[in-house]
Amino acid sequence: MAQEDKFIVPHRKPAVGKSTVVSVRLPDTMLAKLENVAAQTGRTRNELVQMCIDYALARLEIPEE
């Protein structure tokens, strides 16, 4: 796998700014994977979900119809 394709989980930085609570439903298998990564990295599920969303939004491409 190329380095730019990897999702790297850096050490925690202090939170900044206002935040809003959002509820989301995840398949049990996805939640289990998220819990596993959280246990391995010492990150919270919330931190990991935020990191995943940041990663996806930075690479998002919406094709022309």
PDB file of N, CA and C in Angstrom:
ATOM      1  N   MET A   1       0.852  -1.181   0.000  1.00  0.00           N
ATOM      2  CA  MET A   1       0.000   0.000   0.000  1.00  0.00           C
ATOM      3  C   MET A   1       0.892   1.236   0.000  1.00  0.00           C
ATOM      4  N   ALA A   2       0.553   2.183  -0.845  1.00  0.00           N
ATOM      5  CA  ALA A   2       1.331   3.411  -0.928  1.00  0.00           C
ATOM      6  C   ALA A   2       1.166   4.235   0.338  1.00  0.00           C
ATOM      7  N   GLN A   3       2.200   4.964   0.719  1.00  0.00           N
ATOM      8  CA  GLN A   3       2.179   5.768   1.953  1.00  0.00           C
ATOM      9  C   GLN A   3       1.006   6.745   1.962  1.00  0.00           C
ATOM     10  N   GLU A   4       0.681   7.379   0.806  1.00  0.00           N
ATOM     11  CA  GLU A   4      -0.401   8.361   0.789  1.00  0.00           C
ATOM     12  C   GLU A   4      -1.779   7.717   0.966  1.00  0.00           C
ATOM     13  N   ASP A   5      -1.885   6.397   0.830  1.00  0.00           N
ATOM     14  CA  ASP A   5      -3.146   5.685   1.027  1.00  0.00           C
ATOM     15  C   ASP A   5      -3.355   5.282   2.475  1.00  0.00           C
ATOM     16  N   LYS A   6      -2.342   5.401   3.315  1.00  0.00           N
ATOM     17  CA  LYS A   6      -2.451   4.971   4.702  1.00  0.00           C
ATOM     18  C   LYS A   6      -3.166   6.020   5.538  1.00  0.00           C
ATOM     19  N   PHE A   7      -3.917   5.557   6.516  1.00  0.00           N
ATOM     20  CA  PHE A   7      -4.585   6.438   7.474  1.00  0.00           C
ATOM     21  C   PHE A   7      -3.765   6.393   8.748  1.00  0.00           C
ATOM     22  N   ILE A   8      -2.987   7.432   8.992  1.00  0.00           N
ATOM     23  CA  ILE A   8      -2.042   7.467  10.105  1.00  0.00           C
ATOM     24  C   ILE A   8      -2.696   8.174  11.289  1.00  0.00           C
ATOM     25  N   VAL A   9      -2.649   7.552  12.467  1.00  0.00           N
ATOM     26  CA  VAL A   9      -3.252   8.103  13.681  1.00  0.00           C
ATOM     27  C   VAL A   9      -2.147   8.722  14.528  1.00  0.00           C
ATOM     28  N   PRO A  10      -2.005  10.062  14.481  1.00  0.00           N
ATOM     29  CA  PRO A  10      -0.952  10.723  15.252  1.00  0.00           C
ATOM     30  C   PRO A  10      -1.316  10.832  16.726  1.00  0.00           C
ATOM     31  N   HIS A  11      -0.372  11.280  17.517  1.00  0.00           N
ATOM     32  CA  HIS A  11      -0.627  11.491  18.938  1.00  0.00           C
ATOM     33  C   HIS A  11      -1.666  12.582  19.114  1.00  0.00           C
ATOM     34  N   ARG A  12      -2.355  12.530  20.227  1.00  0.00           N
ATOM     35  CA  ARG A  12      -3.464  13.428  20.532  1.00  0.00           C
ATOM     36  C   ARG A  12      -2.995  14.866  20.704  1.00  0.00           C
ATOM     37  N   LYS A  13      -3.796  15.806  20.171  1.00  0.00           N
ATOM     38  CA  LYS A  13      -3.571  17.234  20.369  1.00  0.00           C
ATOM     39  C   LYS A  13      -4.783  17.794  21.098  1.00  0.00           C
ATOM     40  N   PRO A  14      -4.621  18.865  21.847  1.00  0.00           N
ATOM     41  CA  PRO A  14      -5.760  19.445  22.566  1.00  0.00           C
ATOM     42  C   PRO A  14      -6.856  19.899  21.601  1.00  0.00           C
ATOM     43  N   ALA A  15      -8.099  19.719  22.003  1.00  0.00           N
ATOM     44  CA  ALA A  15      -9.231  20.159  21.188  1.00  0.00           C
ATOM     45  C   ALA A  15      -9.319  21.680  21.202  1.00  0.00           C
ATOM     46  N   VAL A  16      -9.735  22.233  20.088  1.00  0.00           N
ATOM     47  CA  VAL A  16      -9.913  23.680  19.995  1.00  0.00           C
ATOM     48  C   VAL A  16     -11.256  23.977  19.335  1.00  0.00           C
ATOM     49  N   GLY A  17     -11.872  25.048  19.754  1.00  0.00           N
ATOM     50  CA  GLY A  17     -13.100  25.491  19.105  1.00  0.00           C
ATOM     51  C   GLY A  17     -14.355  24.822  19.627  1.00  0.00           C
ATOM     52  N   LYS A  18     -15.475  25.312  19.145  1.00  0.00           N
ATOM     53  CA  LYS A  18     -16.795  24.823  19.519  1.00  0.00           C
ATOM     54  C   LYS A  18     -17.067  23.498  18.814  1.00  0.00           C
ATOM     55  N   SER A  19     -17.827  22.634  19.467  1.00  0.00           N
ATOM     56  CA  SER A  19     -18.216  21.382  18.830  1.00  0.00           C
ATOM     57  C   SER A  19     -19.703  21.131  19.061  1.00  0.00           C
ATOM     58  N   THR A  20     -20.280  20.290  18.216  1.00  0.00           N
ATOM     59  CA  THR A  20     -21.691  19.957  18.275  1.00  0.00           C
ATOM     60  C   THR A  20     -21.841  18.447  18.312  1.00  0.00           C
ATOM     61  N   VAL A  21     -22.761  17.964  19.115  1.00  0.00           N
ATOM     62  CA  VAL A  21     -23.013  16.528  19.207  1.00  0.00           C
ATOM     63  C   VAL A  21     -23.812  16.085  17.984  1.00  0.00           C
ATOM     64  N   VAL A  22     -23.358  14.989  17.357  1.00  0.00           N
ATOM     65  CA  VAL A  22     -24.024  14.401  16.207  1.00  0.00           C
ATOM     66  C   VAL A  22     -24.171  12.912  16.466  1.00  0.00           C
ATOM     67  N   SER A  23     -25.339  12.379  16.182  1.00  0.00           N
ATOM     68  CA  SER A  23     -25.574  10.953  16.371  1.00  0.00           C
ATOM     69  C   SER A  23     -25.471  10.247  15.027  1.00  0.00           C
ATOM     70  N   VAL A  24     -24.860   9.068  15.023  1.00  0.00           N
ATOM     71  CA  VAL A  24     -24.721   8.305  13.781  1.00  0.00           C
ATOM     72  C   VAL A  24     -24.886   6.821  14.092  1.00  0.00           C
ATOM     73  N   ARG A  25     -25.488   6.086  13.177  1.00  0.00           N
ATOM     74  CA  ARG A  25     -25.643   4.642  13.335  1.00  0.00           C
ATOM     75  C   ARG A  25     -24.555   3.951  12.514  1.00  0.00           C
ATOM     76  N   LEU A  26     -23.884   2.993  13.131  1.00  0.00           N
ATOM     77  CA  LEU A  26     -22.823   2.241  12.463  1.00  0.00           C
ATOM     78  C   LEU A  26     -23.150   0.758  12.499  1.00  0.00           C
ATOM     79  N   PRO A  27     -22.786   0.027  11.445  1.00  0.00           N
ATOM     80  CA  PRO A  27     -22.946  -1.424  11.494  1.00  0.00           C
ATOM     81  C   PRO A  27     -22.077  -1.995  12.620  1.00  0.00           C
ATOM     82  N   ASP A  28     -22.541  -3.072  13.244  1.00  0.00           N
ATOM     83  CA  ASP A  28     -21.804  -3.679  14.353  1.00  0.00           C
ATOM     84  C   ASP A  28     -20.370  -4.023  13.973  1.00  0.00           C
ATOM     85  N   THR A  29     -20.159  -4.486  12.742  1.00  0.00           N
ATOM     86  CA  THR A  29     -18.801  -4.862  12.317  1.00  0.00           C
ATOM     87  C   THR A  29     -17.891  -3.635  12.239  1.00  0.00           C
ATOM     88  N   MET A  30     -18.435  -2.515  11.789  1.00  0.00           N
ATOM     89  CA  MET A  30     -17.640  -1.285  11.710  1.00  0.00           C
ATOM     90  C   MET A  30     -17.314  -0.779  13.103  1.00  0.00           C
ATOM     91  N   LEU A  31     -18.284  -0.832  14.004  1.00  0.00           N
ATOM     92  CA  LEU A  31     -18.053  -0.401  15.378  1.00  0.00           C
ATOM     93  C   LEU A  31     -16.984  -1.268  16.037  1.00  0.00           C
ATOM     94  N   ALA A  32     -17.007  -2.564  15.782  1.00  0.00           N
ATOM     95  CA  ALA A  32     -16.003  -3.464  16.353  1.00  0.00           C
ATOM     96  C   ALA A  32     -14.604  -3.093  15.857  1.00  0.00           C
ATOM     97  N   LYS A  33     -14.485  -2.767  14.583  1.00  0.00           N
ATOM     98  CA  LYS A  33     -13.188  -2.354  14.027  1.00  0.00           C
ATOM     99  C   LYS A  33     -12.732  -1.048  14.666  1.00  0.00           C
ATOM    100  N   LEU A  34     -13.671  -0.126  14.841  1.00  0.00           N
ATOM    101  CA  LEU A  34     -13.365   1.162  15.461  1.00  0.00           C
ATOM    102  C   LEU A  34     -12.906   0.970  16.901  1.00  0.00           C
ATOM    103  N   GLU A  35     -13.591   0.113  17.635  1.00  0.00           N
ATOM    104  CA  GLU A  35     -13.211  -0.197  19.021  1.00  0.00           C
ATOM    105  C   GLU A  35     -11.809  -0.801  19.075  1.00  0.00           C
ATOM    106  N   ASN A  36     -11.496  -1.660  18.124  1.00  0.00           N
ATOM    107  CA  ASN A  36     -10.177  -2.297  18.067  1.00  0.00           C
ATOM    108  C   ASN A  36      -9.082  -1.254  17.852  1.00  0.00           C
ATOM    109  N   VAL A  37      -9.307  -0.345  16.919  1.00  0.00           N
ATOM    110  CA  VAL A  37      -8.324   0.711  16.655  1.00  0.00           C
ATOM    111  C   VAL A  37      -8.189   1.616  17.879  1.00  0.00           C
ATOM    112  N   ALA A  38      -9.307   1.929  18.521  1.00  0.00           N
ATOM    113  CA  ALA A  38      -9.270   2.764  19.723  1.00  0.00           C
ATOM    114  C   ALA A  38      -8.431   2.100  20.812  1.00  0.00           C
ATOM    115  N   ALA A  39      -8.613   0.801  20.987  1.00  0.00           N
ATOM    116  CA  ALA A  39      -7.852   0.068  22.009  1.00  0.00           C
ATOM    117  C   ALA A  39      -6.359   0.048  21.666  1.00  0.00           C
ATOM    118  N   GLN A  40      -6.029  -0.091  20.399  1.00  0.00           N
ATOM    119  CA  GLN A  40      -4.628  -0.165  19.970  1.00  0.00           C
ATOM    120  C   GLN A  40      -3.921   1.176  20.059  1.00  0.00           C
ATOM    121  N   THR A  41      -4.662   2.267  19.860  1.00  0.00           N
ATOM    122  CA  THR A  41      -4.029   3.585  19.763  1.00  0.00           C
ATOM    123  C   THR A  41      -4.222   4.456  20.997  1.00  0.00           C
ATOM    124  N   GLY A  42      -5.122   4.067  21.896  1.00  0.00           N
ATOM    125  CA  GLY A  42      -5.412   4.895  23.053  1.00  0.00           C
ATOM    126  C   GLY A  42      -6.281   6.095  22.726  1.00  0.00           C
ATOM    127  N   ARG A  43      -6.826   6.128  21.526  1.00  0.00           N
ATOM    128  CA  ARG A  43      -7.728   7.199  21.105  1.00  0.00           C
ATOM    129  C   ARG A  43      -9.156   6.835  21.473  1.00  0.00           C
ATOM    130  N   THR A  44     -10.015   7.843  21.598  1.00  0.00           N
ATOM    131  CA  THR A  44     -11.426   7.574  21.804  1.00  0.00           C
ATOM    132  C   THR A  44     -12.085   7.312  20.453  1.00  0.00           C
ATOM    133  N   ARG A  45     -13.256   6.681  20.504  1.00  0.00           N
ATOM    134  CA  ARG A  45     -14.007   6.473  19.255  1.00  0.00           C
ATOM    135  C   ARG A  45     -14.307   7.817  18.609  1.00  0.00           C
ATOM    136  N   ASN A  46     -14.674   8.805  19.428  1.00  0.00           N
ATOM    137  CA  ASN A  46     -14.982  10.130  18.909  1.00  0.00           C
ATOM    138  C   ASN A  46     -13.794  10.719  18.139  1.00  0.00           C
ATOM    139  N   GLU A  47     -12.620  10.633  18.729  1.00  0.00           N
ATOM    140  CA  GLU A  47     -11.424  11.160  18.049  1.00  0.00           C
ATOM    141  C   GLU A  47     -11.200  10.452  16.722  1.00  0.00           C
ATOM    142  N   LEU A  48     -11.338   9.143  16.726  1.00  0.00           N
ATOM    143  CA  LEU A  48     -11.107   8.378  15.502  1.00  0.00           C
ATOM    144  C   LEU A  48     -12.136   8.709  14.422  1.00  0.00           C
ATOM    145  N   VAL A  49     -13.391   8.850  14.815  1.00  0.00           N
ATOM    146  CA  VAL A  49     -14.430   9.210  13.847  1.00  0.00           C
ATOM    147  C   VAL A  49     -14.129  10.587  13.254  1.00  0.00           C
ATOM    148  N   GLN A  50     -13.732  11.547  14.090  1.00  0.00           N
ATOM    149  CA  GLN A  50     -13.370  12.878  13.584  1.00  0.00           C
ATOM    150  C   GLN A  50     -12.197  12.790  12.613  1.00  0.00           C
ATOM    151  N   MET A  51     -11.206  11.994  12.963  1.00  0.00           N
ATOM    152  CA  MET A  51     -10.036  11.849  12.092  1.00  0.00           C
ATOM    153  C   MET A  51     -10.416  11.210  10.760  1.00  0.00           C
ATOM    154  N   CYS A  52     -11.282  10.210  10.802  1.00  0.00           N
ATOM    155  CA  CYS A  52     -11.731   9.549   9.569  1.00  0.00           C
ATOM    156  C   CYS A  52     -12.498  10.524   8.677  1.00  0.00           C
ATOM    157  N   ILE A  53     -13.363  11.333   9.281  1.00  0.00           N
ATOM    158  CA  ILE A  53     -14.127  12.300   8.502  1.00  0.00           C
ATOM    159  C   ILE A  53     -13.203  13.355   7.906  1.00  0.00           C
ATOM    160  N   ASP A  54     -12.245  13.872   8.691  1.00  0.00           N
ATOM    161  CA  ASP A  54     -11.270  14.838   8.160  1.00  0.00           C
ATOM    162  C   ASP A  54     -10.509  14.247   6.980  1.00  0.00           C
ATOM    163  N   TYR A  55     -10.075  12.999   7.129  1.00  0.00           N
ATOM    164  CA  TYR A  55      -9.319  12.308   6.071  1.00  0.00           C
ATOM    165  C   TYR A  55     -10.163  12.195   4.804  1.00  0.00           C
ATOM    166  N   ALA A  56     -11.415  11.772   4.961  1.00  0.00           N
ATOM    167  CA  ALA A  56     -12.288  11.591   3.794  1.00  0.00           C
ATOM    168  C   ALA A  56     -12.617  12.921   3.127  1.00  0.00           C
ATOM    169  N   LEU A  57     -12.938  13.946   3.921  1.00  0.00           N
ATOM    170  CA  LEU A  57     -13.293  15.241   3.342  1.00  0.00           C
ATOM    171  C   LEU A  57     -12.120  15.870   2.595  1.00  0.00           C
ATOM    172  N   ALA A  58     -10.915  15.677   3.092  1.00  0.00           N
ATOM    173  CA  ALA A  58      -9.734  16.241   2.432  1.00  0.00           C
ATOM    174  C   ALA A  58      -9.466  15.573   1.083  1.00  0.00           C
ATOM    175  N   ARG A  59      -9.988  14.365   0.887  1.00  0.00           N
ATOM    176  CA  ARG A  59      -9.737  13.615  -0.337  1.00  0.00           C
ATOM    177  C   ARG A  59     -11.000  13.417  -1.180  1.00  0.00           C
ATOM    178  N   LEU A  60     -12.070  14.057  -0.777  1.00  0.00           N
ATOM    179  CA  LEU A  60     -13.356  13.903  -1.424  1.00  0.00           C
ATOM    180  C   LEU A  60     -13.332  14.442  -2.851  1.00  0.00           C
ATOM    181  N   GLU A  61     -13.913  13.693  -3.756  1.00  0.00           N
ATOM    182  CA  GLU A  61     -14.061  14.144  -5.140  1.00  0.00           C
ATOM    183  C   GLU A  61     -15.476  13.826  -5.554  1.00  0.00           C
ATOM    184  N   ILE A  62     -16.196  14.826  -6.019  1.00  0.00           N
ATOM    185  CA  ILE A  62     -17.560  14.632  -6.490  1.00  0.00           C
ATOM    186  C   ILE A  62     -17.529  14.688  -8.015  1.00  0.00           C
ATOM    187  N   PRO A  63     -17.800  13.540  -8.649  1.00  0.00           N
ATOM    188  CA  PRO A  63     -17.714  13.507 -10.112  1.00  0.00           C
ATOM    189  C   PRO A  63     -18.841  14.327 -10.774  1.00  0.00           C
ATOM    190  N   GLU A  64     -18.549  14.865 -11.920  1.00  0.00           N
ATOM    191  CA  GLU A  64     -19.555  15.585 -12.707  1.00  0.00           C
ATOM    192  C   GLU A  64     -20.569  14.570 -13.229  1.00  0.00           C
ATOM    193  N   GLU A  65     -21.835  14.993 -13.283  1.00  0.00           N
ATOM    194  CA  GLU A  65     -22.858  14.087 -13.811  1.00  0.00           C
ATOM    195  C   GLU A  65     -23.076  14.307 -15.273  1.00  0.00           C
TER     196      GLU A  65
END
